[in-house]
Amino acid sequence: MKPSPTAWLFLTPALLVLGVFFVLPVIAALGLSLTDYDLYALANVHNLRFVGLRNYWELLQRPLFWAALGHTFYFVLVGVPLSIAASLGSALLLNSPLARMRAFFRTALFAPVVTTVVAVAVIWRYLFDTKYGLVNYALAAIGVHPVDWLGDPHWAMPTIIAFAVWKNFGYNMIILMAGLQAIPPELYEAARIDGASAPRQFWHITLPMLRPTLVMVMILTVAGYFQLFAEPYVMTEGGPLQSTVSVLYLMYEEGFKWWNLGTASAVAFTLFLVIFMVTTLLLRLARRGAGA
């Protein structure tokens, strides 16, 4: 069935917006990644040269890129399970029949999601300050020595992960609550009649029925966490000792600090390929699990 002229009339504005503000910039960035576009080419376009895949080859030979990729994977591998666990736990608590003031707690837990990342990151930076932060003040009250949360390479990334989990888990919580409310209550009633305990109901009813929602939440969270930038940019500026430099932070430095726009575009498309491969792998694993 071919779309009617009326359908094309309504689709055209949206397609034009997508083409102008998404498709064309992506094509332009792909073209830039194949050139040596830098500050000199920005001043005079005649300095621009086509270099093919040289930017990608040089990027793969840079130790800083592999370090940034490792930091990003560390952030994803630790942050995503913690975020989903916090989201699922909160959704289960708010969906419980014993829960009171659901609207208040749902709003309170979702509030960090709609706050500005930069503003909240600045607050967290002061909370974790070595000398004047409330976190170290609380630790000192129980006899624990102050920790240099954002100045120690061993603690900087875990602190950023804690911030990201607190900032983002409310979004997935709302999605998982919708999934929980879509589960027929008759299943739980039948399980209780058969004598199934609460853990058995969770493993044999809640998780299987919630599987499609969890897969969607996992893929969205993984894709979002791979784009780590604002947190290290505000809280640590990539330090200490470049221990919190992410791939997106490296792209920012190459493009807007050193004006190597060709290299920055290559970093962006390399990150896109990484996200594409990881999400495709997750989808295949999820389908295998559903089939089993």
Protein backbone atom coordinates (compact mmCIF):
# COMPACT_ATOMS: atom_id res chain seq x y z
CA MET A 1 0.00 0.00 0.00
CA LYS A 2 1.51 3.30 -1.14
CA PRO A 3 1.34 6.34 1.16
CA SER A 4 -1.33 8.80 0.09
CA PRO A 5 -0.47 12.39 -0.91
CA THR A 6 -1.98 13.54 2.39
CA ALA A 7 0.43 11.31 4.32
CA TRP A 8 3.41 12.73 2.39
CA LEU A 9 2.12 16.23 3.10
CA PHE A 10 2.26 15.59 6.85
CA LEU A 11 5.57 13.71 6.67
CA THR A 12 7.43 16.27 4.57
CA PRO A 13 8.09 18.86 7.37
CA ALA A 14 9.47 16.19 9.69
CA LEU A 15 11.59 14.67 6.91
CA LEU A 16 12.97 18.11 6.01
CA VAL A 17 13.92 18.79 9.64
CA LEU A 18 15.61 15.38 9.94
CA GLY A 19 17.42 15.89 6.66
CA VAL A 20 18.70 19.39 7.45
CA PHE A 21 19.57 18.92 11.12
CA PHE A 22 20.57 15.23 11.21
CA VAL A 23 21.32 13.59 7.87
CA LEU A 24 23.32 16.45 6.34
CA PRO A 25 25.48 17.05 9.49
CA VAL A 26 26.21 13.31 9.69
CA ILE A 27 27.28 13.20 6.05
CA ALA A 28 29.38 16.35 6.53
CA ALA A 29 31.06 14.87 9.64
CA LEU A 30 31.81 11.66 7.74
CA GLY A 31 33.42 13.74 5.00
CA LEU A 32 35.45 15.70 7.56
CA SER A 33 36.76 12.48 9.08
CA LEU A 34 38.43 11.73 5.74
CA THR A 35 40.27 15.08 5.64
CA ASP A 36 42.88 16.94 7.68
CA TYR A 37 40.43 19.74 8.49
CA ASP A 38 42.03 21.82 11.25
CA LEU A 39 42.54 25.45 12.26
CA TYR A 40 44.55 26.18 9.12
CA ALA A 41 41.82 24.80 6.86
CA LEU A 42 39.27 26.79 8.85
CA ALA A 43 41.18 29.97 8.02
CA ASN A 44 41.70 29.02 4.38
CA VAL A 45 39.77 26.20 2.74
CA HIS A 46 42.62 25.69 0.25
CA ASN A 47 44.64 24.14 3.10
CA LEU A 48 42.12 21.31 3.29
CA ARG A 49 43.40 17.94 2.05
CA PHE A 50 41.77 14.57 1.56
CA VAL A 51 43.65 11.98 3.64
CA GLY A 52 41.34 8.96 3.40
CA LEU A 53 41.45 6.69 6.44
CA ARG A 54 44.63 8.21 7.87
CA ASN A 55 42.76 9.83 10.78
CA TYR A 56 41.30 6.47 11.78
CA TRP A 57 44.66 4.71 11.45
CA GLU A 58 46.47 7.32 13.54
CA LEU A 59 43.65 7.24 16.10
CA LEU A 60 44.03 3.48 16.56
CA GLN A 61 47.74 3.97 17.20
CA ARG A 62 47.22 6.53 19.99
CA PRO A 63 47.52 5.15 23.54
CA LEU A 64 45.21 7.90 24.80
CA PHE A 65 42.39 6.66 22.56
CA TRP A 66 42.66 3.12 23.92
CA ALA A 67 42.83 4.49 27.46
CA ALA A 68 39.71 6.59 26.82
CA LEU A 69 37.95 3.57 25.33
CA GLY A 70 38.89 1.53 28.39
CA HIS A 71 37.57 4.22 30.73
CA THR A 72 34.33 4.36 28.74
CA PHE A 73 33.87 0.58 28.87
CA TYR A 74 34.60 0.64 32.61
CA PHE A 75 31.94 3.31 33.06
CA VAL A 76 29.43 1.27 31.03
CA LEU A 77 30.18 -2.14 32.55
CA VAL A 78 29.86 -0.84 36.12
CA GLY A 79 27.37 1.98 35.71
CA VAL A 80 24.73 0.24 33.57
CA PRO A 81 24.08 -2.72 35.95
CA LEU A 82 24.01 -0.37 38.96
CA SER A 83 21.63 2.01 37.21
CA ILE A 84 19.26 -0.75 36.09
CA ALA A 85 19.36 -2.39 39.54
CA ALA A 86 18.52 0.94 41.22
CA SER A 87 15.75 1.56 38.69
CA LEU A 88 14.24 -1.90 39.11
CA GLY A 89 14.47 -1.80 42.90
CA SER A 90 12.80 1.61 43.05
CA ALA A 91 10.10 0.53 40.59
CA LEU A 92 9.35 -2.59 42.65
CA LEU A 93 9.12 -0.58 45.86
CA LEU A 94 6.85 2.05 44.34
CA ASN A 95 4.68 -0.62 42.70
CA SER A 96 4.26 -2.49 45.98
CA PRO A 97 0.75 -2.52 47.48
CA LEU A 98 2.27 -1.35 50.77
CA ALA A 99 3.82 1.75 49.22
CA ARG A 100 2.33 5.05 50.30
CA MET A 101 2.69 8.52 48.83
CA ARG A 102 3.65 6.99 45.49
CA ALA A 103 3.19 10.22 43.57
CA PHE A 104 5.53 12.11 45.91
CA PHE A 105 8.32 9.51 45.85
CA ARG A 106 7.95 8.98 42.11
CA THR A 107 8.39 12.71 41.56
CA ALA A 108 11.27 12.96 44.04
CA LEU A 109 13.18 10.06 42.47
CA PHE A 110 12.57 11.35 38.95
CA ALA A 111 13.63 14.92 39.78
CA PRO A 112 17.40 14.36 39.21
CA VAL A 113 16.66 13.32 35.61
CA VAL A 114 15.24 16.74 34.68
CA THR A 115 17.91 18.75 36.47
CA THR A 116 20.78 20.28 34.54
CA VAL A 117 23.79 17.95 34.46
CA VAL A 118 26.32 20.76 34.80
CA ALA A 119 24.59 22.39 37.78
CA VAL A 120 24.19 19.12 39.68
CA ALA A 121 27.74 18.02 38.82
CA VAL A 122 29.08 21.25 40.35
CA ILE A 123 27.13 20.50 43.53
CA TRP A 124 28.50 16.97 43.64
CA ARG A 125 32.00 18.31 43.14
CA TYR A 126 31.63 20.38 46.29
CA LEU A 127 30.00 17.50 48.19
CA PHE A 128 33.03 15.32 47.45
CA ASP A 129 35.62 18.03 48.08
CA THR A 130 38.58 16.68 50.03
CA LYS A 131 38.64 19.38 52.70
CA TYR A 132 35.17 20.91 52.81
CA GLY A 133 32.88 18.24 51.32
CA LEU A 134 29.98 16.89 53.35
CA VAL A 135 30.89 13.32 52.38
CA ASN A 136 34.34 13.51 53.97
CA TYR A 137 32.85 15.40 56.91
CA ALA A 138 30.46 12.48 57.52
CA LEU A 139 33.31 9.99 57.18
CA ALA A 140 35.42 11.95 59.66
CA ALA A 141 32.54 11.80 62.15
CA ILE A 142 32.82 8.00 62.21
CA GLY A 143 36.62 8.00 62.31
CA VAL A 144 37.40 7.45 58.61
CA HIS A 145 40.20 9.50 57.05
CA PRO A 146 39.21 11.91 54.25
CA VAL A 147 39.28 10.52 50.72
CA ASP A 148 40.40 12.52 47.71
CA TRP A 149 37.38 11.41 45.70
CA LEU A 150 38.01 13.45 42.55
CA GLY A 151 41.79 13.83 42.86
CA ASP A 152 42.74 10.16 43.23
CA PRO A 153 42.83 8.13 39.98
CA HIS A 154 41.42 5.12 41.84
CA TRP A 155 38.37 6.99 43.15
CA ALA A 156 37.59 9.53 40.43
CA MET A 157 35.75 7.21 38.03
CA PRO A 158 33.76 5.39 40.77
CA THR A 159 32.62 8.81 42.02
CA ILE A 160 31.51 9.78 38.50
CA ILE A 161 29.70 6.45 38.17
CA ALA A 162 27.86 7.06 41.45
CA PHE A 163 26.82 10.49 40.22
CA ALA A 164 25.63 9.15 36.85
CA VAL A 165 23.60 6.38 38.49
CA TRP A 166 21.94 8.83 40.88
CA LYS A 167 21.28 11.26 38.04
CA ASN A 168 19.77 8.83 35.54
CA PHE A 169 18.11 5.89 37.29
CA GLY A 170 14.78 7.72 37.67
CA TYR A 171 14.16 7.67 33.91
CA ASN A 172 14.38 3.88 33.70
CA MET A 173 12.38 3.61 36.92
CA ILE A 174 9.35 5.20 35.22
CA ILE A 175 9.65 2.84 32.24
CA LEU A 176 9.97 -0.22 34.47
CA MET A 177 7.01 0.89 36.58
CA ALA A 178 4.91 0.97 33.42
CA GLY A 179 6.12 -2.53 32.59
CA LEU A 180 5.28 -3.79 36.08
CA GLN A 181 1.79 -2.32 35.95
CA ALA A 182 1.20 -4.12 32.63
CA ILE A 183 1.70 -7.54 34.25
CA PRO A 184 -1.72 -9.16 34.87
CA PRO A 185 -2.36 -9.34 38.65
CA GLU A 186 -4.11 -12.68 38.13
CA LEU A 187 -0.71 -14.31 37.67
CA TYR A 188 0.38 -13.25 41.16
CA GLU A 189 -2.94 -14.33 42.66
CA ALA A 190 -2.62 -17.77 41.11
CA ALA A 191 0.98 -18.05 42.33
CA ARG A 192 0.00 -17.09 45.88
CA ILE A 193 -2.77 -19.68 45.85
CA ASP A 194 -0.22 -22.30 44.79
CA GLY A 195 1.99 -21.25 47.72
CA ALA A 196 4.72 -19.47 45.76
CA SER A 197 6.85 -17.16 47.89
CA ALA A 198 7.67 -13.57 46.93
CA PRO A 199 11.14 -14.45 45.56
CA ARG A 200 9.64 -17.22 43.41
CA GLN A 201 7.01 -14.82 42.09
CA PHE A 202 9.75 -12.38 41.21
CA TRP A 203 11.92 -14.96 39.38
CA HIS A 204 9.11 -16.83 37.60
CA ILE A 205 6.58 -14.07 36.90
CA THR A 206 8.04 -10.57 37.23
CA LEU A 207 11.34 -11.06 35.42
CA PRO A 208 9.99 -13.12 32.47
CA MET A 209 7.09 -10.72 31.92
CA LEU A 210 9.41 -7.73 32.28
CA ARG A 211 12.07 -9.11 29.91
CA PRO A 212 11.14 -6.97 26.83
CA THR A 213 11.10 -3.81 28.94
CA LEU A 214 14.42 -4.70 30.56
CA VAL A 215 16.02 -5.32 27.17
CA MET A 216 14.86 -1.92 25.91
CA VAL A 217 16.04 -0.20 29.09
CA MET A 218 19.41 -1.95 28.92
CA ILE A 219 20.04 -0.95 25.30
CA LEU A 220 19.00 2.66 25.90
CA THR A 221 21.16 2.87 29.01
CA VAL A 222 24.20 1.31 27.33
CA ALA A 223 23.94 3.68 24.38
CA GLY A 224 23.58 6.64 26.72
CA TYR A 225 26.43 5.66 29.03
CA PHE A 226 28.83 5.24 26.11
CA GLN A 227 28.33 8.97 25.49
CA LEU A 228 30.03 9.96 28.73
CA PHE A 229 31.14 13.57 28.58
CA ALA A 230 29.46 16.15 30.85
CA GLU A 231 30.32 14.41 34.12
CA PRO A 232 34.12 14.25 33.68
CA TYR A 233 34.14 17.60 31.90
CA VAL A 234 32.61 19.40 34.90
CA MET A 235 33.86 17.29 37.80
CA THR A 236 37.43 16.33 36.85
CA GLU A 237 38.24 17.83 33.43
CA GLY A 238 39.49 14.39 32.38
CA GLY A 239 41.84 14.03 35.32
CA PRO A 240 43.48 13.09 37.50
CA LEU A 241 46.25 11.73 35.26
CA GLN A 242 43.68 11.37 32.43
CA SER A 243 41.92 8.62 34.41
CA THR A 244 38.44 9.92 33.50
CA VAL A 245 39.02 10.81 29.85
CA SER A 246 36.20 9.20 27.85
CA VAL A 247 35.96 8.75 24.09
CA LEU A 248 33.50 11.63 23.80
CA TYR A 249 35.73 13.82 25.98
CA LEU A 250 38.65 12.99 23.67
CA MET A 251 36.50 14.01 20.71
CA TYR A 252 35.71 17.32 22.40
CA GLU A 253 39.38 18.05 23.07
CA GLU A 254 40.43 17.19 19.54
CA GLY A 255 37.67 19.23 17.96
CA PHE A 256 37.25 22.26 20.20
CA LYS A 257 40.53 22.51 22.08
CA TRP A 258 43.04 21.62 19.38
CA TRP A 259 40.75 22.28 16.38
CA ASN A 260 41.58 18.96 14.75
CA LEU A 261 38.08 18.57 13.36
CA GLY A 262 39.03 15.74 11.04
CA THR A 263 40.39 13.67 13.93
CA ALA A 264 37.40 14.60 16.12
CA SER A 265 35.01 13.38 13.42
CA ALA A 266 36.97 10.12 13.19
CA VAL A 267 36.61 9.70 16.95
CA ALA A 268 32.85 10.29 16.69
CA PHE A 269 32.34 7.67 13.99
CA THR A 270 34.57 5.18 15.79
CA LEU A 271 32.42 5.61 18.89
CA PHE A 272 29.31 5.14 16.73
CA LEU A 273 30.68 1.83 15.43
CA VAL A 274 31.45 0.68 18.98
CA ILE A 275 27.94 1.54 20.18
CA PHE A 276 26.40 -0.13 17.11
CA MET A 277 28.35 -3.35 17.63
CA VAL A 278 27.63 -3.51 21.37
CA THR A 279 23.90 -2.84 20.99
CA THR A 280 23.65 -5.36 18.15
CA LEU A 281 25.35 -7.96 20.33
CA LEU A 282 22.97 -7.21 23.20
CA LEU A 283 19.96 -7.56 20.89
CA ARG A 284 21.16 -10.95 19.64
CA LEU A 285 21.81 -12.20 23.16
CA ALA A 286 18.37 -11.00 24.24
CA ARG A 287 16.71 -12.80 21.33
CA ARG A 288 18.58 -16.00 22.11
CA GLY A 289 17.51 -15.73 25.73
CA ALA A 290 13.89 -15.16 24.73
CA GLY A 291 14.02 -18.12 22.35
CA ALA A 292 15.48 -20.39 25.02
